[in-house]
PDB file of N, CA and C in Angstrom:
ATOM      1  N   MET A   1       2.053  12.801  -0.690  1.00  0.00           N
ATOM      2  CA  MET A   1       1.655  10.958  -1.032  1.00  0.00           C
ATOM      3  C   MET A   1       2.269  10.329  -0.261  1.00  0.00           C
ATOM      4  N   LYS A   2       3.660  10.801   0.356  1.00  0.00           N
ATOM      5  CA  LYS A   2       4.237  10.120   0.867  1.00  0.00           C
ATOM      6  C   LYS A   2       3.099   9.597   2.479  1.00  0.00           C
ATOM      7  N   GLN A   3       2.546  10.802   2.957  1.00  0.00           N
ATOM      8  CA  GLN A   3       1.870  10.371   3.468  1.00  0.00           C
ATOM      9  C   GLN A   3       0.655   9.749   4.268  1.00  0.00           C
ATOM     10  N   VAL A   4       0.213   9.289   2.739  1.00  0.00           N
ATOM     11  CA  VAL A   4      -0.764   8.876   2.324  1.00  0.00           C
ATOM     12  C   VAL A   4      -0.897   7.049   2.324  1.00  0.00           C
ATOM     13  N   LEU A   5       0.596   7.115   1.699  1.00  0.00           N
ATOM     14  CA  LEU A   5       1.067   5.748   2.183  1.00  0.00           C
ATOM     15  C   LEU A   5       1.488   5.270   3.072  1.00  0.00           C
ATOM     16  N   VAL A   6       1.854   6.406   3.889  1.00  0.00           N
ATOM     17  CA  VAL A   6       3.051   5.761   5.476  1.00  0.00           C
ATOM     18  C   VAL A   6       0.787   5.345   6.432  1.00  0.00           C
ATOM     19  N   ILE A   7      -0.025   6.404   6.199  1.00  0.00           N
ATOM     20  CA  ILE A   7      -0.807   5.913   6.613  1.00  0.00           C
ATOM     21  C   ILE A   7      -1.098   4.694   6.859  1.00  0.00           C
ATOM     22  N   LEU A   8      -1.621   4.720   5.900  1.00  0.00           N
ATOM     23  CA  LEU A   8      -1.939   3.049   4.477  1.00  0.00           C
ATOM     24  C   LEU A   8      -1.028   1.691   5.381  1.00  0.00           C
ATOM     25  N   TRP A   9       0.115   1.880   5.548  1.00  0.00           N
ATOM     26  CA  TRP A   9       1.256   1.219   5.966  1.00  0.00           C
ATOM     27  C   TRP A   9       0.865   1.256   7.578  1.00  0.00           C
ATOM     28  N   VAL A  10       0.517   1.780   7.913  1.00  0.00           N
ATOM     29  CA  VAL A  10       0.364   1.778   9.396  1.00  0.00           C
ATOM     30  C   VAL A  10      -1.511   0.680   9.573  1.00  0.00           C
ATOM     31  N   GLY A  11      -2.169   1.584   8.351  1.00  0.00           N
ATOM     32  CA  GLY A  11      -3.587   0.636   8.755  1.00  0.00           C
ATOM     33  C   GLY A  11      -2.833  -1.139   8.939  1.00  0.00           C
ATOM     34  N   GLY A  12      -1.998  -1.100   7.142  1.00  0.00           N
ATOM     35  CA  GLY A  12      -2.230  -2.836   7.105  1.00  0.00           C
ATOM     36  C   GLY A  12      -1.574  -3.066   8.387  1.00  0.00           C
ATOM     37  N   LEU A  13      -0.394  -3.179   9.350  1.00  0.00           N
ATOM     38  CA  LEU A  13       0.304  -3.662   9.910  1.00  0.00           C
ATOM     39  C   LEU A  13      -0.412  -3.773  11.358  1.00  0.00           C
ATOM     40  N   LEU A  14      -1.554  -2.695  11.424  1.00  0.00           N
ATOM     41  CA  LEU A  14      -2.211  -2.834  12.128  1.00  0.00           C
ATOM     42  C   LEU A  14      -3.436  -3.578  12.306  1.00  0.00           C
ATOM     43  N   LEU A  15      -3.726  -3.746  10.712  1.00  0.00           N
ATOM     44  CA  LEU A  15      -4.617  -4.966  10.131  1.00  0.00           C
ATOM     45  C   LEU A  15      -4.261  -6.087  10.473  1.00  0.00           C
ATOM     46  N   LEU A  16      -3.059  -6.646   9.823  1.00  0.00           N
ATOM     47  CA  LEU A  16      -2.158  -8.368  10.404  1.00  0.00           C
ATOM     48  C   LEU A  16      -1.690  -8.109  11.186  1.00  0.00           C
ATOM     49  N   GLY A  17      -1.228  -7.163  12.363  1.00  0.00           N
ATOM     50  CA  GLY A  17      -0.945  -7.248  14.244  1.00  0.00           C
ATOM     51  C   GLY A  17      -2.013  -8.437  14.672  1.00  0.00           C
ATOM     52  N   GLY A  18      -3.174  -8.266  14.420  1.00  0.00           N
ATOM     53  CA  GLY A  18      -4.592  -8.613  15.213  1.00  0.00           C
ATOM     54  C   GLY A  18      -4.815 -10.401  14.853  1.00  0.00           C
ATOM     55  N   CYS A  19      -5.342 -10.323  16.025  1.00  0.00           N
ATOM     56  CA  CYS A  19      -6.041 -11.804  15.667  1.00  0.00           C
ATOM     57  C   CYS A  19      -6.778 -11.927  15.123  1.00  0.00           C
ATOM     58  N   SER A  20      -7.558 -11.538  14.562  1.00  0.00           N
ATOM     59  CA  SER A  20      -8.869 -11.428  13.639  1.00  0.00           C
ATOM     60  C   SER A  20      -8.740 -10.136  12.817  1.00  0.00           C
ATOM     61  N   VAL A  21      -8.992 -10.373  11.028  1.00  0.00           N
ATOM     62  CA  VAL A  21      -9.006  -9.175  10.626  1.00  0.00           C
ATOM     63  C   VAL A  21     -10.428  -9.034  10.810  1.00  0.00           C
ATOM     64  N   ASN A  22     -10.732  -7.546  10.538  1.00  0.00           N
ATOM     65  CA  ASN A  22     -12.375  -6.891  10.769  1.00  0.00           C
ATOM     66  C   ASN A  22     -12.156  -6.968   8.824  1.00  0.00           C
ATOM     67  N   GLN A  23     -12.840  -7.267   8.174  1.00  0.00           N
ATOM     68  CA  GLN A  23     -13.733  -7.098   6.916  1.00  0.00           C
ATOM     69  C   GLN A  23     -13.786  -6.503   6.173  1.00  0.00           C
ATOM     70  N   ASP A  24     -14.046  -5.754   6.749  1.00  0.00           N
ATOM     71  CA  ASP A  24     -14.903  -4.366   6.479  1.00  0.00           C
ATOM     72  C   ASP A  24     -13.919  -3.163   6.552  1.00  0.00           C
ATOM     73  N   PHE A  25     -12.713  -3.678   7.439  1.00  0.00           N
ATOM     74  CA  PHE A  25     -11.170  -2.627   7.167  1.00  0.00           C
ATOM     75  C   PHE A  25     -10.643  -2.924   6.186  1.00  0.00           C
ATOM     76  N   VAL A  26     -10.477  -4.321   6.110  1.00  0.00           N
ATOM     77  CA  VAL A  26     -10.139  -4.905   4.894  1.00  0.00           C
ATOM     78  C   VAL A  26     -10.241  -4.046   3.236  1.00  0.00           C
ATOM     79  N   ARG A  27     -11.790  -4.170   3.674  1.00  0.00           N
ATOM     80  CA  ARG A  27     -12.443  -3.547   2.276  1.00  0.00           C
ATOM     81  C   ARG A  27     -12.436  -2.062   2.193  1.00  0.00           C
ATOM     82  N   GLY A  28     -12.312  -1.664   2.879  1.00  0.00           N
ATOM     83  CA  GLY A  28     -12.439  -0.157   2.642  1.00  0.00           C
ATOM     84  C   GLY A  28     -10.935   0.157   2.696  1.00  0.00           C
ATOM     85  N   VAL A  29      -9.515  -0.065   2.864  1.00  0.00           N
ATOM     86  CA  VAL A  29      -8.361   0.337   2.340  1.00  0.00           C
ATOM     87  C   VAL A  29      -8.030  -0.333   1.089  1.00  0.00           C
ATOM     88  N   ASP A  30      -8.758  -1.310   0.921  1.00  0.00           N
ATOM     89  CA  ASP A  30      -8.474  -2.266  -0.475  1.00  0.00           C
ATOM     90  C   ASP A  30      -9.575  -0.691  -1.480  1.00  0.00           C
ATOM     91  N   GLY A  31     -10.259  -0.367  -1.020  1.00  0.00           N
ATOM     92  CA  GLY A  31     -10.813   0.784  -2.033  1.00  0.00           C
ATOM     93  C   GLY A  31      -9.660   1.766  -2.032  1.00  0.00           C
ATOM     94  N   TYR A  32      -9.238   2.160  -1.012  1.00  0.00           N
ATOM     95  CA  TYR A  32      -8.474   3.209  -1.379  1.00  0.00           C
ATOM     96  C   TYR A  32      -6.628   2.784  -2.115  1.00  0.00           C
ATOM     97  N   THR A  33      -6.088   1.764  -1.595  1.00  0.00           N
ATOM     98  CA  THR A  33      -5.541   1.125  -2.549  1.00  0.00           C
ATOM     99  C   THR A  33      -5.807   1.137  -4.238  1.00  0.00           C
ATOM    100  N   GLN A  34      -6.421   0.663  -4.307  1.00  0.00           N
ATOM    101  CA  GLN A  34      -7.010   0.588  -5.892  1.00  0.00           C
ATOM    102  C   GLN A  34      -7.023   1.370  -6.346  1.00  0.00           C
ATOM    103  N   ILE A  35      -7.041   3.092  -5.535  1.00  0.00           N
ATOM    104  CA  ILE A  35      -7.067   4.089  -5.968  1.00  0.00           C
ATOM    105  C   ILE A  35      -5.874   4.670  -5.440  1.00  0.00           C
ATOM    106  N   ILE A  36      -5.326   5.163  -4.999  1.00  0.00           N
ATOM    107  CA  ILE A  36      -3.517   6.017  -4.461  1.00  0.00           C
ATOM    108  C   ILE A  36      -3.174   4.820  -5.040  1.00  0.00           C
ATOM    109  N   LEU A  37      -2.207   3.320  -5.030  1.00  0.00           N
ATOM    110  CA  LEU A  37      -1.338   3.259  -5.321  1.00  0.00           C
ATOM    111  C   LEU A  37      -1.034   3.193  -6.522  1.00  0.00           C
ATOM    112  N   PRO A  38      -2.053   2.976  -7.891  1.00  0.00           N
ATOM    113  CA  PRO A  38      -1.344   2.859  -8.719  1.00  0.00           C
ATOM    114  C   PRO A  38      -0.910   4.761  -9.505  1.00  0.00           C
ATOM    115  N   GLU A  39      -2.080   5.951  -8.295  1.00  0.00           N
ATOM    116  CA  GLU A  39      -1.992   6.725  -9.134  1.00  0.00           C
ATOM    117  C   GLU A  39      -0.088   7.654  -7.953  1.00  0.00           C
ATOM    118  N   TYR A  40       0.295   6.431  -7.672  1.00  0.00           N
ATOM    119  CA  TYR A  40       1.345   6.976  -6.400  1.00  0.00           C
ATOM    120  C   TYR A  40       2.964   6.405  -7.447  1.00  0.00           C
ATOM    121  N   LYS A  41       2.548   5.092  -8.152  1.00  0.00           N
ATOM    122  CA  LYS A  41       2.959   4.107  -8.641  1.00  0.00           C
ATOM    123  C   LYS A  41       3.652   4.733 -10.002  1.00  0.00           C
ATOM    124  N   ALA A  42       2.809   5.411 -10.344  1.00  0.00           N
ATOM    125  CA  ALA A  42       2.906   5.880 -12.340  1.00  0.00           C
ATOM    126  C   ALA A  42       3.677   7.561 -11.916  1.00  0.00           C
ATOM    127  N   TYR A  43       3.185   8.141 -10.341  1.00  0.00           N
ATOM    128  CA  TYR A  43       4.166   9.371 -10.284  1.00  0.00           C
ATOM    129  C   TYR A  43       5.588   8.838  -9.871  1.00  0.00           C
ATOM    130  N   ILE A  44       5.918   7.830  -9.128  1.00  0.00           N
ATOM    131  CA  ILE A  44       7.194   6.915  -8.863  1.00  0.00           C
ATOM    132  C   ILE A  44       7.853   6.784 -10.475  1.00  0.00           C
ATOM    133  N   ALA A  45       7.113   6.900 -10.919  1.00  0.00           N
ATOM    134  CA  ALA A  45       7.720   5.982 -12.134  1.00  0.00           C
ATOM    135  C   ALA A  45       8.704   7.883 -13.427  1.00  0.00           C
ATOM    136  N   LYS A  46       7.368   8.411 -13.252  1.00  0.00           N
ATOM    137  CA  LYS A  46       7.542  10.266 -14.045  1.00  0.00           C
ATOM    138  C   LYS A  46       8.305  11.511 -12.505  1.00  0.00           C
ATOM    139  N   ASP A  47       9.216  10.753 -11.530  1.00  0.00           N
ATOM    140  CA  ASP A  47       9.849  11.928 -11.046  1.00  0.00           C
ATOM    141  C   ASP A  47      10.707  11.675 -10.634  1.00  0.00           C
ATOM    142  N   PRO A  48      12.005  12.299 -11.819  1.00  0.00           N
ATOM    143  CA  PRO A  48      12.940  12.561 -12.493  1.00  0.00           C
ATOM    144  C   PRO A  48      13.879  12.688 -10.943  1.00  0.00           C
ATOM    145  N   GLN A  49      13.709  13.176 -10.072  1.00  0.00           N
ATOM    146  CA  GLN A  49      14.789  13.207  -8.923  1.00  0.00           C
ATOM    147  C   GLN A  49      14.944  12.165  -8.607  1.00  0.00           C
ATOM    148  N   LEU A  50      14.202  11.303  -8.393  1.00  0.00           N
ATOM    149  CA  LEU A  50      14.213  10.041  -7.888  1.00  0.00           C
ATOM    150  C   LEU A  50      15.357   8.976  -8.174  1.00  0.00           C
ATOM    151  N   SER A  51      16.159   8.400  -7.245  1.00  0.00           N
ATOM    152  CA  SER A  51      17.344   7.634  -8.149  1.00  0.00           C
ATOM    153  C   SER A  51      16.486   6.413  -8.553  1.00  0.00           C
ATOM    154  N   PRO A  52      17.014   5.736  -9.684  1.00  0.00           N
ATOM    155  CA  PRO A  52      16.486   4.453  -9.474  1.00  0.00           C
ATOM    156  C   PRO A  52      16.582   3.481  -8.520  1.00  0.00           C
ATOM    157  N   ASP A  53      17.370   3.192  -7.743  1.00  0.00           N
ATOM    158  CA  ASP A  53      17.044   2.790  -6.526  1.00  0.00           C
ATOM    159  C   ASP A  53      16.202   2.960  -5.386  1.00  0.00           C
ATOM    160  N   THR A  54      15.952   4.267  -5.469  1.00  0.00           N
ATOM    161  CA  THR A  54      14.256   4.305  -4.520  1.00  0.00           C
ATOM    162  C   THR A  54      13.341   4.741  -4.844  1.00  0.00           C
ATOM    163  N   LYS A  55      13.666   4.853  -6.588  1.00  0.00           N
ATOM    164  CA  LYS A  55      12.295   3.964  -7.393  1.00  0.00           C
ATOM    165  C   LYS A  55      11.941   2.935  -7.008  1.00  0.00           C
ATOM    166  N   ARG A  56      13.103   2.068  -6.925  1.00  0.00           N
ATOM    167  CA  ARG A  56      12.424  -0.064  -7.093  1.00  0.00           C
ATOM    168  C   ARG A  56      12.146   0.054  -5.422  1.00  0.00           C
ATOM    169  N   ILE A  57      12.994   0.524  -4.624  1.00  0.00           N
ATOM    170  CA  ILE A  57      12.127   0.138  -3.589  1.00  0.00           C
ATOM    171  C   ILE A  57      10.809   0.361  -2.915  1.00  0.00           C
ATOM    172  N   ARG A  58      10.747   1.903  -3.453  1.00  0.00           N
ATOM    173  CA  ARG A  58       9.247   2.395  -3.200  1.00  0.00           C
ATOM    174  C   ARG A  58       8.229   2.066  -4.063  1.00  0.00           C
ATOM    175  N   LEU A  59       8.313   1.529  -5.261  1.00  0.00           N
ATOM    176  CA  LEU A  59       7.733   0.542  -6.498  1.00  0.00           C
ATOM    177  C   LEU A  59       7.560  -0.618  -5.021  1.00  0.00           C
ATOM    178  N   GLN A  60       8.364  -2.063  -4.839  1.00  0.00           N
ATOM    179  CA  GLN A  60       8.480  -2.751  -3.825  1.00  0.00           C
ATOM    180  C   GLN A  60       7.511  -2.255  -2.824  1.00  0.00           C
ATOM    181  N   SER A  61       7.745  -1.602  -1.948  1.00  0.00           N
ATOM    182  CA  SER A  61       6.908  -1.415  -1.239  1.00  0.00           C
ATOM    183  C   SER A  61       5.361  -1.452  -0.979  1.00  0.00           C
ATOM    184  N   ALA A  62       4.798  -0.381  -2.559  1.00  0.00           N
ATOM    185  CA  ALA A  62       3.604  -0.630  -2.629  1.00  0.00           C
ATOM    186  C   ALA A  62       2.645  -1.998  -3.174  1.00  0.00           C
ATOM    187  N   ASP A  63       4.168  -2.771  -3.814  1.00  0.00           N
ATOM    188  CA  ASP A  63       3.321  -3.832  -4.617  1.00  0.00           C
ATOM    189  C   ASP A  63       3.216  -4.889  -2.844  1.00  0.00           C
ATOM    190  N   LYS A  64       4.419  -4.436  -1.817  1.00  0.00           N
ATOM    191  CA  LYS A  64       3.726  -5.680  -0.455  1.00  0.00           C
ATOM    192  C   LYS A  64       3.056  -5.033   0.345  1.00  0.00           C
ATOM    193  N   PHE A  65       2.104  -3.884  -0.373  1.00  0.00           N
ATOM    194  CA  PHE A  65       1.637  -3.293   0.882  1.00  0.00           C
ATOM    195  C   PHE A  65       0.423  -4.504  -0.798  1.00  0.00           C
ATOM    196  N   GLN A  66      -0.015  -3.617  -1.240  1.00  0.00           N
ATOM    197  CA  GLN A  66      -0.967  -4.324  -1.819  1.00  0.00           C
ATOM    198  C   GLN A  66      -1.212  -5.782  -1.080  1.00  0.00           C
ATOM    199  N   GLN A  67      -0.140  -6.506  -1.749  1.00  0.00           N
ATOM    200  CA  GLN A  67      -0.340  -8.449  -0.947  1.00  0.00           C
ATOM    201  C   GLN A  67      -1.076  -8.066   0.276  1.00  0.00           C
ATOM    202  N   LEU A  68      -0.281  -7.401   1.471  1.00  0.00           N
ATOM    203  CA  LEU A  68      -0.734  -8.040   2.499  1.00  0.00           C
ATOM    204  C   LEU A  68      -2.250  -7.438   2.067  1.00  0.00           C
ATOM    205  N   VAL A  69      -2.844  -6.690   1.722  1.00  0.00           N
ATOM    206  CA  VAL A  69      -4.267  -6.491   1.353  1.00  0.00           C
ATOM    207  C   VAL A  69      -5.462  -7.139   0.824  1.00  0.00           C
ATOM    208  N   ASP A  70      -4.197  -7.676  -0.041  1.00  0.00           N
ATOM    209  CA  ASP A  70      -5.125  -8.930  -0.586  1.00  0.00           C
ATOM    210  C   ASP A  70      -4.987 -10.572   0.005  1.00  0.00           C
ATOM    211  N   ASP A  71      -3.914 -10.333   0.694  1.00  0.00           N
ATOM    212  CA  ASP A  71      -3.354 -11.587   1.901  1.00  0.00           C
ATOM    213  C   ASP A  71      -4.982 -11.272   2.518  1.00  0.00           C
ATOM    214  N   ALA A  72      -4.935  -9.884   3.350  1.00  0.00           N
ATOM    215  CA  ALA A  72      -6.209  -9.796   4.349  1.00  0.00           C
ATOM    216  C   ALA A  72      -7.399 -10.155   4.058  1.00  0.00           C
ATOM    217  N   LYS A  73      -7.574 -10.231   2.301  1.00  0.00           N
ATOM    218  CA  LYS A  73      -8.988 -10.124   2.329  1.00  0.00           C
ATOM    219  C   LYS A  73      -9.456 -11.547   1.663  1.00  0.00           C
ATOM    220  N   LEU A  74      -8.401 -12.811   1.664  1.00  0.00           N
ATOM    221  CA  LEU A  74      -8.692 -14.207   1.688  1.00  0.00           C
ATOM    222  C   LEU A  74      -8.973 -14.651   3.120  1.00  0.00           C
ATOM    223  N   LYS A  75      -8.637 -14.247   4.233  1.00  0.00           N
ATOM    224  CA  LYS A  75      -8.481 -14.474   5.501  1.00  0.00           C
ATOM    225  C   LYS A  75     -10.245 -14.148   6.099  1.00  0.00           C
TER     226      LYS A  75
END
């Protein structure tokens, strides 16, 4: 699951790093985030091996990534 989030994060950075936003790419990433992020956030909440601080950081990262995708959809 970490690898998927890293891939999405890198994709988001590439998406926002360019001068123009490729809306096809944004829609594709958004489709994945709609499926993967809720499952990832549920996994984080249930994982007893993660400290509360780690859970908070991971949830904030997932929310920030979704915000980046949402912002890119508006461009």
